[in-house]
C-alpha atoms as a PDB file:
ATOM      1  CA  UNK A   1      21.445  22.166  45.406  1.00  0.00           C
ATOM      2  CA  UNK A   2      23.761  24.891  44.555  1.00  0.00           C
ATOM      3  CA  UNK A   3      23.344  26.798  41.409  1.00  0.00           C
ATOM      4  CA  UNK A   4      25.740  28.856  39.370  1.00  0.00           C
ATOM      5  CA  UNK A   5      25.768  32.142  37.241  1.00  0.00           C
ATOM      6  CA  UNK A   6      28.583  33.597  35.149  1.00  0.00           C
ATOM      7  CA  UNK A   7      28.283  37.643  34.850  1.00  0.00           C
ATOM      8  CA  UNK A   8      30.417  39.569  32.643  1.00  0.00           C
ATOM      9  CA  UNK A   9      30.072  43.314  32.545  1.00  0.00           C
ATOM     10  CA  UNK A  10      31.581  46.140  30.838  1.00  0.00           C
ATOM     11  CA  UNK A  11      31.267  49.842  30.675  1.00  0.00           C
ATOM     12  CA  UNK A  12      33.283  53.102  31.161  1.00  0.00           C
ATOM     13  CA  UNK A  13      35.261  52.944  34.498  1.00  0.00           C
ATOM     14  CA  UNK A  14      34.205  55.024  37.460  1.00  0.00           C
ATOM     15  CA  UNK A  15      33.946  54.386  41.246  1.00  0.00           C
ATOM     16  CA  UNK A  16      31.284  52.322  42.746  1.00  0.00           C
ATOM     17  CA  UNK A  17      30.568  49.720  39.974  1.00  0.00           C
ATOM     18  CA  UNK A  18      32.142  46.966  41.875  1.00  0.00           C
ATOM     19  CA  UNK A  19      30.463  47.984  45.000  1.00  0.00           C
ATOM     20  CA  UNK A  20      27.212  47.844  43.237  1.00  0.00           C
ATOM     21  CA  UNK A  21      27.462  44.564  41.585  1.00  0.00           C
ATOM     22  CA  UNK A  22      28.362  43.027  45.068  1.00  0.00           C
ATOM     23  CA  UNK A  23      25.484  44.586  46.859  1.00  0.00           C
ATOM     24  CA  UNK A  24      23.175  43.146  44.094  1.00  0.00           C
ATOM     25  CA  UNK A  25      24.812  39.422  44.465  1.00  0.00           C
ATOM     26  CA  UNK A  26      24.091  39.960  48.347  1.00  0.00           C
ATOM     27  CA  UNK A  27      20.448  41.654  48.260  1.00  0.00           C
ATOM     28  CA  UNK A  28      19.550  38.393  45.595  1.00  0.00           C
ATOM     29  CA  UNK A  29      20.810  35.839  48.505  1.00  0.00           C
ATOM     30  CA  UNK A  30      23.698  35.068  46.326  1.00  0.00           C
ATOM     31  CA  UNK A  31      27.597  34.408  47.087  1.00  0.00           C
ATOM     32  CA  UNK A  32      30.218  35.647  45.119  1.00  0.00           C
ATOM     33  CA  UNK A  33      32.570  32.800  44.436  1.00  0.00           C
ATOM     34  CA  UNK A  34      35.129  34.042  42.038  1.00  0.00           C
ATOM     35  CA  UNK A  35      35.713  37.214  40.129  1.00  0.00           C
ATOM     36  CA  UNK A  36      38.267  39.030  37.827  1.00  0.00           C
ATOM     37  CA  UNK A  37      38.419  42.731  37.327  1.00  0.00           C
ATOM     38  CA  UNK A  38      40.080  44.693  34.902  1.00  0.00           C
ATOM     39  CA  UNK A  39      40.555  48.204  33.298  1.00  0.00           C
ATOM     40  CA  UNK A  40      41.312  47.939  29.679  1.00  0.00           C
ATOM     41  CA  UNK A  41      41.829  51.740  28.396  1.00  0.00           C
ATOM     42  CA  UNK A  42      39.093  53.745  30.078  1.00  0.00           C
ATOM     43  CA  UNK A  43      36.794  50.304  30.227  1.00  0.00           C
ATOM     44  CA  UNK A  44      36.213  48.629  33.226  1.00  0.00           C
ATOM     45  CA  UNK A  45      35.495  44.755  33.257  1.00  0.00           C
ATOM     46  CA  UNK A  46      34.474  42.193  35.315  1.00  0.00           C
ATOM     47  CA  UNK A  47      34.007  38.605  35.345  1.00  0.00           C
ATOM     48  CA  UNK A  48      32.068  36.892  38.106  1.00  0.00           C
ATOM     49  CA  UNK A  49      30.823  33.813  39.516  1.00  0.00           C
ATOM     50  CA  UNK A  50      27.965  33.783  41.846  1.00  0.00           C
ATOM     51  CA  UNK A  51      26.093  30.631  43.648  1.00  0.00           C
ATOM     52  CA  UNK A  52      23.067  30.490  45.637  1.00  0.00           C
ATOM     53  CA  UNK A  53      19.489  28.390  45.169  1.00  0.00           C
ATOM     54  CA  UNK A  54      17.717  28.534  41.957  1.00  0.00           C
ATOM     55  CA  UNK A  55      15.143  31.032  43.230  1.00  0.00           C
ATOM     56  CA  UNK A  56      18.178  33.243  43.970  1.00  0.00           C
ATOM     57  CA  UNK A  57      20.380  32.921  40.472  1.00  0.00           C
ATOM     58  CA  UNK A  58      17.225  33.490  39.045  1.00  0.00           C
ATOM     59  CA  UNK A  59      16.350  36.664  41.172  1.00  0.00           C
ATOM     60  CA  UNK A  60      19.768  37.954  40.072  1.00  0.00           C
ATOM     61  CA  UNK A  61      19.247  37.230  36.288  1.00  0.00           C
ATOM     62  CA  UNK A  62      16.073  39.342  36.321  1.00  0.00           C
ATOM     63  CA  UNK A  63      17.409  42.103  38.169  1.00  0.00           C
ATOM     64  CA  UNK A  64      20.598  42.767  36.532  1.00  0.00           C
ATOM     65  CA  UNK A  65      19.338  43.977  33.218  1.00  0.00           C
ATOM     66  CA  UNK A  66      17.828  47.217  35.275  1.00  0.00           C
ATOM     67  CA  UNK A  67      21.044  47.695  37.400  1.00  0.00           C
ATOM     68  CA  UNK A  68      22.812  47.446  34.037  1.00  0.00           C
ATOM     69  CA  UNK A  69      20.955  49.937  32.598  1.00  0.00           C
ATOM     70  CA  UNK A  70      21.515  52.248  35.211  1.00  0.00           C
ATOM     71  CA  UNK A  71      25.173  51.962  35.417  1.00  0.00           C
ATOM     72  CA  UNK A  72      25.627  51.876  31.755  1.00  0.00           C
ATOM     73  CA  UNK A  73      26.982  48.415  31.459  1.00  0.00           C
ATOM     74  CA  UNK A  74      27.019  45.794  28.600  1.00  0.00           C
ATOM     75  CA  UNK A  75      26.427  42.689  30.551  1.00  0.00           C
ATOM     76  CA  UNK A  76      25.961  39.048  29.698  1.00  0.00           C
ATOM     77  CA  UNK A  77      24.799  36.184  32.014  1.00  0.00           C
ATOM     78  CA  UNK A  78      25.408  32.312  31.662  1.00  0.00           C
ATOM     79  CA  UNK A  79      24.228  29.602  33.833  1.00  0.00           C
ATOM     80  CA  UNK A  80      27.015  27.158  34.703  1.00  0.00           C
ATOM     81  CA  UNK A  81      28.316  24.443  37.215  1.00  0.00           C
ATOM     82  CA  UNK A  82      31.391  24.191  39.374  1.00  0.00           C
ATOM     83  CA  UNK A  83      34.562  23.076  37.440  1.00  0.00           C
ATOM     84  CA  UNK A  84      35.831  19.581  37.760  1.00  0.00           C
ATOM     85  CA  UNK A  85      39.655  20.254  37.570  1.00  0.00           C
ATOM     86  CA  UNK A  86      41.420  17.193  35.490  1.00  0.00           C
ATOM     87  CA  UNK A  87      44.270  15.482  36.847  1.00  0.00           C
ATOM     88  CA  UNK A  88      47.195  17.424  35.875  1.00  0.00           C
ATOM     89  CA  UNK A  89      50.955  16.212  37.019  1.00  0.00           C
ATOM     90  CA  UNK A  90      52.241  19.953  36.775  1.00  0.00           C
ATOM     91  CA  UNK A  91      51.645  23.331  35.936  1.00  0.00           C
ATOM     92  CA  UNK A  92      54.300  25.803  34.672  1.00  0.00           C
ATOM     93  CA  UNK A  93      54.305  29.388  34.354  1.00  0.00           C
ATOM     94  CA  UNK A  94      55.783  30.768  31.124  1.00  0.00           C
ATOM     95  CA  UNK A  95      56.372  34.373  30.691  1.00  0.00           C
ATOM     96  CA  UNK A  96      57.542  35.709  27.298  1.00  0.00           C
ATOM     97  CA  UNK A  97      59.004  39.065  26.713  1.00  0.00           C
ATOM     98  CA  UNK A  98      60.521  41.311  24.202  1.00  0.00           C
ATOM     99  CA  UNK A  99      59.640  43.770  21.493  1.00  0.00           C
ATOM    100  CA  UNK A 100      55.907  43.496  20.581  1.00  0.00           C
ATOM    101  CA  UNK A 101      55.293  42.325  16.999  1.00  0.00           C
ATOM    102  CA  UNK A 102      51.808  41.360  15.336  1.00  0.00           C
ATOM    103  CA  UNK A 103      50.812  37.548  15.675  1.00  0.00           C
ATOM    104  CA  UNK A 104      52.869  36.530  18.708  1.00  0.00           C
ATOM    105  CA  UNK A 105      49.889  35.702  21.119  1.00  0.00           C
ATOM    106  CA  UNK A 106      48.355  33.480  18.051  1.00  0.00           C
ATOM    107  CA  UNK A 107      51.499  31.904  17.209  1.00  0.00           C
ATOM    108  CA  UNK A 108      52.277  31.052  20.706  1.00  0.00           C
ATOM    109  CA  UNK A 109      48.261  29.948  21.723  1.00  0.00           C
ATOM    110  CA  UNK A 110      48.454  27.883  18.253  1.00  0.00           C
ATOM    111  CA  UNK A 111      51.641  26.366  19.739  1.00  0.00           C
ATOM    112  CA  UNK A 112      49.756  25.540  22.622  1.00  0.00           C
ATOM    113  CA  UNK A 113      46.375  24.293  21.150  1.00  0.00           C
ATOM    114  CA  UNK A 114      48.592  21.825  18.705  1.00  0.00           C
ATOM    115  CA  UNK A 115      49.937  20.094  21.992  1.00  0.00           C
ATOM    116  CA  UNK A 116      46.626  19.735  23.504  1.00  0.00           C
ATOM    117  CA  UNK A 117      47.716  21.485  26.628  1.00  0.00           C
ATOM    118  CA  UNK A 118      45.012  23.024  29.120  1.00  0.00           C
ATOM    119  CA  UNK A 119      45.758  26.864  29.268  1.00  0.00           C
ATOM    120  CA  UNK A 120      44.473  28.078  33.013  1.00  0.00           C
ATOM    121  CA  UNK A 121      45.424  31.792  32.723  1.00  0.00           C
ATOM    122  CA  UNK A 122      46.835  34.151  29.912  1.00  0.00           C
ATOM    123  CA  UNK A 123      47.861  37.766  30.895  1.00  0.00           C
ATOM    124  CA  UNK A 124      49.437  39.888  28.112  1.00  0.00           C
ATOM    125  CA  UNK A 125      50.299  43.691  28.144  1.00  0.00           C
ATOM    126  CA  UNK A 126      52.226  46.189  25.887  1.00  0.00           C
ATOM    127  CA  UNK A 127      53.394  49.431  26.052  1.00  0.00           C
ATOM    128  CA  UNK A 128      56.076  52.096  24.738  1.00  0.00           C
ATOM    129  CA  UNK A 129      59.391  52.769  26.157  1.00  0.00           C
ATOM    130  CA  UNK A 130      61.401  56.115  26.304  1.00  0.00           C
ATOM    131  CA  UNK A 131      62.328  55.526  22.832  1.00  0.00           C
ATOM    132  CA  UNK A 132      59.068  54.651  21.457  1.00  0.00           C
ATOM    133  CA  UNK A 133      59.523  51.076  20.928  1.00  0.00           C
ATOM    134  CA  UNK A 134      56.545  48.780  22.161  1.00  0.00           C
ATOM    135  CA  UNK A 135      57.617  46.283  24.207  1.00  0.00           C
ATOM    136  CA  UNK A 136      55.104  43.042  25.279  1.00  0.00           C
ATOM    137  CA  UNK A 137      55.148  40.730  28.240  1.00  0.00           C
ATOM    138  CA  UNK A 138      53.000  37.585  28.010  1.00  0.00           C
ATOM    139  CA  UNK A 139      51.912  35.526  31.214  1.00  0.00           C
ATOM    140  CA  UNK A 140      50.943  31.964  30.784  1.00  0.00           C
ATOM    141  CA  UNK A 141      49.736  29.103  33.324  1.00  0.00           C
ATOM    142  CA  UNK A 142      49.542  25.970  31.484  1.00  0.00           C
ATOM    143  CA  UNK A 143      48.380  22.721  33.100  1.00  0.00           C
ATOM    144  CA  UNK A 144      50.612  19.702  32.205  1.00  0.00           C
ATOM    145  CA  UNK A 145      48.955  16.647  31.573  1.00  0.00           C
ATOM    146  CA  UNK A 146      50.283  12.957  32.183  1.00  0.00           C
ATOM    147  CA  UNK A 147      51.134  12.060  28.631  1.00  0.00           C
ATOM    148  CA  UNK A 148      53.504  15.053  27.992  1.00  0.00           C
ATOM    149  CA  UNK A 149      57.171  14.931  28.421  1.00  0.00           C
ATOM    150  CA  UNK A 150      57.906  18.108  30.490  1.00  0.00           C
ATOM    151  CA  UNK A 151      61.613  18.505  29.485  1.00  0.00           C
ATOM    152  CA  UNK A 152      60.691  18.219  25.642  1.00  0.00           C
ATOM    153  CA  UNK A 153      57.556  20.777  26.340  1.00  0.00           C
ATOM    154  CA  UNK A 154      60.208  23.449  27.894  1.00  0.00           C
ATOM    155  CA  UNK A 155      62.805  23.004  25.038  1.00  0.00           C
ATOM    156  CA  UNK A 156      59.940  23.349  22.475  1.00  0.00           C
ATOM    157  CA  UNK A 157      58.718  26.378  24.353  1.00  0.00           C
ATOM    158  CA  UNK A 158      62.348  28.045  24.454  1.00  0.00           C
ATOM    159  CA  UNK A 159      62.396  27.097  21.063  1.00  0.00           C
ATOM    160  CA  UNK A 160      59.290  29.030  20.145  1.00  0.00           C
ATOM    161  CA  UNK A 161      60.373  32.193  21.850  1.00  0.00           C
ATOM    162  CA  UNK A 162      63.690  31.948  19.958  1.00  0.00           C
ATOM    163  CA  UNK A 163      61.692  31.898  16.699  1.00  0.00           C
ATOM    164  CA  UNK A 164      59.647  34.918  18.164  1.00  0.00           C
ATOM    165  CA  UNK A 165      62.928  36.684  19.222  1.00  0.00           C
ATOM    166  CA  UNK A 166      61.783  36.709  22.695  1.00  0.00           C
ATOM    167  CA  UNK A 167      62.898  36.211  26.324  1.00  0.00           C
ATOM    168  CA  UNK A 168      61.396  33.171  28.027  1.00  0.00           C
ATOM    169  CA  UNK A 169      61.339  32.069  31.294  1.00  0.00           C
ATOM    170  CA  UNK A 170      59.590  29.029  32.745  1.00  0.00           C
ATOM    171  CA  UNK A 171      58.630  28.227  36.702  1.00  0.00           C
ATOM    172  CA  UNK A 172      57.483  25.028  37.881  1.00  0.00           C
ATOM    173  CA  UNK A 173      54.775  25.164  40.191  1.00  0.00           C
ATOM    174  CA  UNK A 174      53.562  21.646  41.021  1.00  0.00           C
END
């Protein structure tokens, strides 16, 4: 039976961190089945899911703390199982962009939660333009269940964008 472990690591960005974490997984006889890495400010962040036998997962759980100390990383581990996706009729990708405003992400995520929509991915970024104005870009991948009327949802997303004074585009994926 294959076991799974999610590992989250964060620390000062410097060369070689990903290599050492990948080597640890390999040395513990684990496979990296999914991973994401990003840099936030000067901080390196990584989330990865590894799989392996019970003893391989236990080995990485016992070995990671010492590597974390060596690399000066904050790490968290949690055992998990493979994701069983629900049956969605489609997926849409929504992009909001415009002037950065406090509370925008709160409003958008509350909108999705109120409609019990499955948020598959989120990316947001804010940066200052040449005139000193903050601009934001928010990307969402949303899984659409059968009970949702896609046309009504799209209209309500565009209405939300208008209320937030943001540009909006919607792309159908399935």
